[in-house]
Amino acid sequence: MLSDEDIQKLIDVFATKEDLNEAVQNLSTKADFNNLMTSVDTYAKKSDC
């Protein structure tokens, strides 16, 4: 049987739903990546001239 201390250790190790939501908010999206690529392509075209 798990003791209260064992349960607390497990809770400390595993991410909570709130932790995961916070982590996901900071991830780049496909749209962000596409915007970055468009900017890089535009800059490359300007520098070729």
Protein backbone atom coordinates (compact mmCIF):
# COMPACT_ATOMS: atom_id res chain seq x y z
CA MET A 1 0.00 0.00 0.00
CA LEU A 2 1.24 3.48 -0.75
CA SER A 3 1.91 5.82 2.11
CA ASP A 4 1.10 9.52 2.07
CA GLU A 5 4.79 10.21 1.50
CA ASP A 6 4.86 7.87 -1.53
CA ILE A 7 1.79 9.56 -2.99
CA GLN A 8 3.32 12.99 -2.50
CA LYS A 9 6.51 11.86 -4.30
CA LEU A 10 4.42 10.65 -7.23
CA ILE A 11 2.49 13.93 -7.36
CA ASP A 12 5.79 15.87 -7.37
CA VAL A 13 7.13 13.83 -10.30
CA PHE A 14 4.13 13.85 -12.63
CA ALA A 15 3.01 17.01 -14.42
CA THR A 16 -0.45 18.33 -13.63
CA LYS A 17 -2.97 19.43 -16.22
CA GLU A 18 -2.16 23.06 -15.40
CA ASP A 19 1.57 22.42 -15.88
CA LEU A 20 0.92 20.91 -19.30
CA ASN A 21 -1.35 23.77 -20.35
CA GLU A 22 1.31 26.29 -19.34
CA ALA A 23 3.99 24.41 -21.28
CA VAL A 24 1.85 24.16 -24.41
CA GLN A 25 1.14 27.90 -24.42
CA ASN A 26 4.85 28.60 -24.94
CA LEU A 27 5.23 26.28 -27.95
CA SER A 28 5.51 27.67 -31.44
CA THR A 29 2.65 26.92 -33.77
CA LYS A 30 2.79 25.92 -37.42
CA ALA A 31 1.59 29.44 -38.30
CA ASP A 32 4.48 30.95 -36.30
CA PHE A 33 6.95 28.75 -38.15
CA ASN A 34 5.41 29.62 -41.53
CA ASN A 35 5.61 33.34 -40.70
CA LEU A 36 9.26 32.94 -39.77
CA MET A 37 10.03 31.10 -43.02
CA THR A 38 8.25 33.79 -45.03
CA SER A 39 10.29 36.47 -43.30
CA VAL A 40 13.54 34.62 -43.94
CA ASP A 41 12.64 34.11 -47.60
CA THR A 42 11.76 37.80 -48.00
CA TYR A 43 15.04 38.84 -46.37
CA ALA A 44 17.00 36.43 -48.59
CA LYS A 45 15.38 37.84 -51.74
CA LYS A 46 16.21 41.41 -50.67
CA SER A 47 19.82 40.54 -49.89
CA ASP A 48 20.30 38.91 -53.31
CA CYS A 49 19.72 42.22 -55.09
